[in-house]
C-alpha atoms as a PDB file:
ATOM      1  CA  UNK A   1     -39.077   7.960 -18.981  1.00  0.00           C
ATOM      2  CA  UNK A   2     -39.872   4.327 -18.256  1.00  0.00           C
ATOM      3  CA  UNK A   3     -37.205   2.152 -16.703  1.00  0.00           C
ATOM      4  CA  UNK A   4     -37.052  -1.146 -18.557  1.00  0.00           C
ATOM      5  CA  UNK A   5     -35.591  -4.177 -16.852  1.00  0.00           C
ATOM      6  CA  UNK A   6     -33.273  -6.258 -18.974  1.00  0.00           C
ATOM      7  CA  UNK A   7     -34.538  -9.772 -19.522  1.00  0.00           C
ATOM      8  CA  UNK A   8     -32.345 -12.706 -18.596  1.00  0.00           C
ATOM      9  CA  UNK A   9     -33.490 -15.796 -20.460  1.00  0.00           C
ATOM     10  CA  UNK A  10     -32.327 -19.033 -18.873  1.00  0.00           C
ATOM     11  CA  UNK A  11     -32.874 -22.655 -19.829  1.00  0.00           C
ATOM     12  CA  UNK A  12     -35.296 -24.785 -17.820  1.00  0.00           C
ATOM     13  CA  UNK A  13     -32.421 -26.790 -16.316  1.00  0.00           C
ATOM     14  CA  UNK A  14     -30.914 -23.544 -15.018  1.00  0.00           C
ATOM     15  CA  UNK A  15     -34.289 -22.498 -13.547  1.00  0.00           C
ATOM     16  CA  UNK A  16     -34.458 -25.833 -11.739  1.00  0.00           C
ATOM     17  CA  UNK A  17     -30.965 -25.266 -10.302  1.00  0.00           C
ATOM     18  CA  UNK A  18     -31.536 -21.632  -9.289  1.00  0.00           C
ATOM     19  CA  UNK A  19     -35.078 -21.946  -7.936  1.00  0.00           C
ATOM     20  CA  UNK A  20     -34.973 -25.318  -6.200  1.00  0.00           C
ATOM     21  CA  UNK A  21     -31.235 -25.551  -5.485  1.00  0.00           C
ATOM     22  CA  UNK A  22     -28.890 -28.487  -5.857  1.00  0.00           C
ATOM     23  CA  UNK A  23     -30.697 -30.622  -3.274  1.00  0.00           C
ATOM     24  CA  UNK A  24     -34.258 -29.514  -4.016  1.00  0.00           C
ATOM     25  CA  UNK A  25     -36.910 -31.462  -5.900  1.00  0.00           C
ATOM     26  CA  UNK A  26     -37.763 -29.402  -8.982  1.00  0.00           C
ATOM     27  CA  UNK A  27     -40.797 -29.715 -11.185  1.00  0.00           C
ATOM     28  CA  UNK A  28     -40.155 -31.754 -14.318  1.00  0.00           C
ATOM     29  CA  UNK A  29     -39.214 -29.864 -17.507  1.00  0.00           C
ATOM     30  CA  UNK A  30     -42.528 -30.790 -19.192  1.00  0.00           C
ATOM     31  CA  UNK A  31     -44.539 -29.202 -16.374  1.00  0.00           C
ATOM     32  CA  UNK A  32     -42.424 -26.035 -16.560  1.00  0.00           C
ATOM     33  CA  UNK A  33     -42.910 -25.877 -20.359  1.00  0.00           C
ATOM     34  CA  UNK A  34     -46.670 -26.170 -19.800  1.00  0.00           C
ATOM     35  CA  UNK A  35     -46.520 -23.318 -17.261  1.00  0.00           C
ATOM     36  CA  UNK A  36     -44.717 -21.160 -19.849  1.00  0.00           C
ATOM     37  CA  UNK A  37     -47.312 -22.054 -22.520  1.00  0.00           C
ATOM     38  CA  UNK A  38     -50.155 -21.190 -20.126  1.00  0.00           C
ATOM     39  CA  UNK A  39     -48.582 -17.896 -19.077  1.00  0.00           C
ATOM     40  CA  UNK A  40     -48.019 -18.951 -15.467  1.00  0.00           C
ATOM     41  CA  UNK A  41     -44.226 -18.713 -15.768  1.00  0.00           C
ATOM     42  CA  UNK A  42     -42.702 -15.889 -17.840  1.00  0.00           C
ATOM     43  CA  UNK A  43     -40.753 -17.317 -20.742  1.00  0.00           C
ATOM     44  CA  UNK A  44     -40.790 -18.331 -24.371  1.00  0.00           C
ATOM     45  CA  UNK A  45     -39.832 -20.963 -26.866  1.00  0.00           C
ATOM     46  CA  UNK A  46     -36.980 -20.087 -29.200  1.00  0.00           C
ATOM     47  CA  UNK A  47     -36.559 -22.716 -31.871  1.00  0.00           C
ATOM     48  CA  UNK A  48     -36.913 -26.035 -30.088  1.00  0.00           C
ATOM     49  CA  UNK A  49     -35.628 -24.770 -26.736  1.00  0.00           C
ATOM     50  CA  UNK A  50     -37.665 -23.281 -23.896  1.00  0.00           C
ATOM     51  CA  UNK A  51     -36.420 -20.379 -21.802  1.00  0.00           C
ATOM     52  CA  UNK A  52     -37.637 -18.730 -18.598  1.00  0.00           C
ATOM     53  CA  UNK A  53     -37.372 -14.954 -18.154  1.00  0.00           C
ATOM     54  CA  UNK A  54     -35.424 -15.045 -14.878  1.00  0.00           C
ATOM     55  CA  UNK A  55     -35.809 -11.285 -14.274  1.00  0.00           C
ATOM     56  CA  UNK A  56     -39.623 -11.428 -14.493  1.00  0.00           C
ATOM     57  CA  UNK A  57     -39.715 -14.719 -12.574  1.00  0.00           C
ATOM     58  CA  UNK A  58     -37.777 -13.134  -9.710  1.00  0.00           C
ATOM     59  CA  UNK A  59     -40.013 -10.058  -9.715  1.00  0.00           C
ATOM     60  CA  UNK A  60     -42.953 -12.357  -8.990  1.00  0.00           C
ATOM     61  CA  UNK A  61     -40.768 -14.245  -6.467  1.00  0.00           C
ATOM     62  CA  UNK A  62     -41.835 -17.424  -8.235  1.00  0.00           C
ATOM     63  CA  UNK A  63     -45.014 -17.291  -6.130  1.00  0.00           C
ATOM     64  CA  UNK A  64     -47.270 -18.354  -9.014  1.00  0.00           C
ATOM     65  CA  UNK A  65     -45.192 -21.453  -9.650  1.00  0.00           C
ATOM     66  CA  UNK A  66     -44.924 -22.270  -5.955  1.00  0.00           C
ATOM     67  CA  UNK A  67     -48.693 -21.904  -5.596  1.00  0.00           C
ATOM     68  CA  UNK A  68     -49.282 -24.227  -8.548  1.00  0.00           C
ATOM     69  CA  UNK A  69     -46.906 -26.828  -7.148  1.00  0.00           C
ATOM     70  CA  UNK A  70     -48.521 -26.677  -3.713  1.00  0.00           C
ATOM     71  CA  UNK A  71     -52.030 -26.797  -5.131  1.00  0.00           C
ATOM     72  CA  UNK A  72     -51.134 -29.762  -7.328  1.00  0.00           C
ATOM     73  CA  UNK A  73     -49.515 -31.589  -4.430  1.00  0.00           C
ATOM     74  CA  UNK A  74     -52.550 -31.400  -2.138  1.00  0.00           C
END
């Protein structure tokens, strides 16, 4: 029997707080929405709001997003 992890959908603002912390410099919401659209960050749009799948994001340790940020910054 497969063990399914429960998804925890969080808003982009909450991702910014959890991933970068209170004093960090997060990516802008538009960039995060683009990452979700492009499949880089696990998430979805529900109505007009965008959500990140925090459980899946943590499983990947956010490495994909960190790599994109670092590659874009160089």
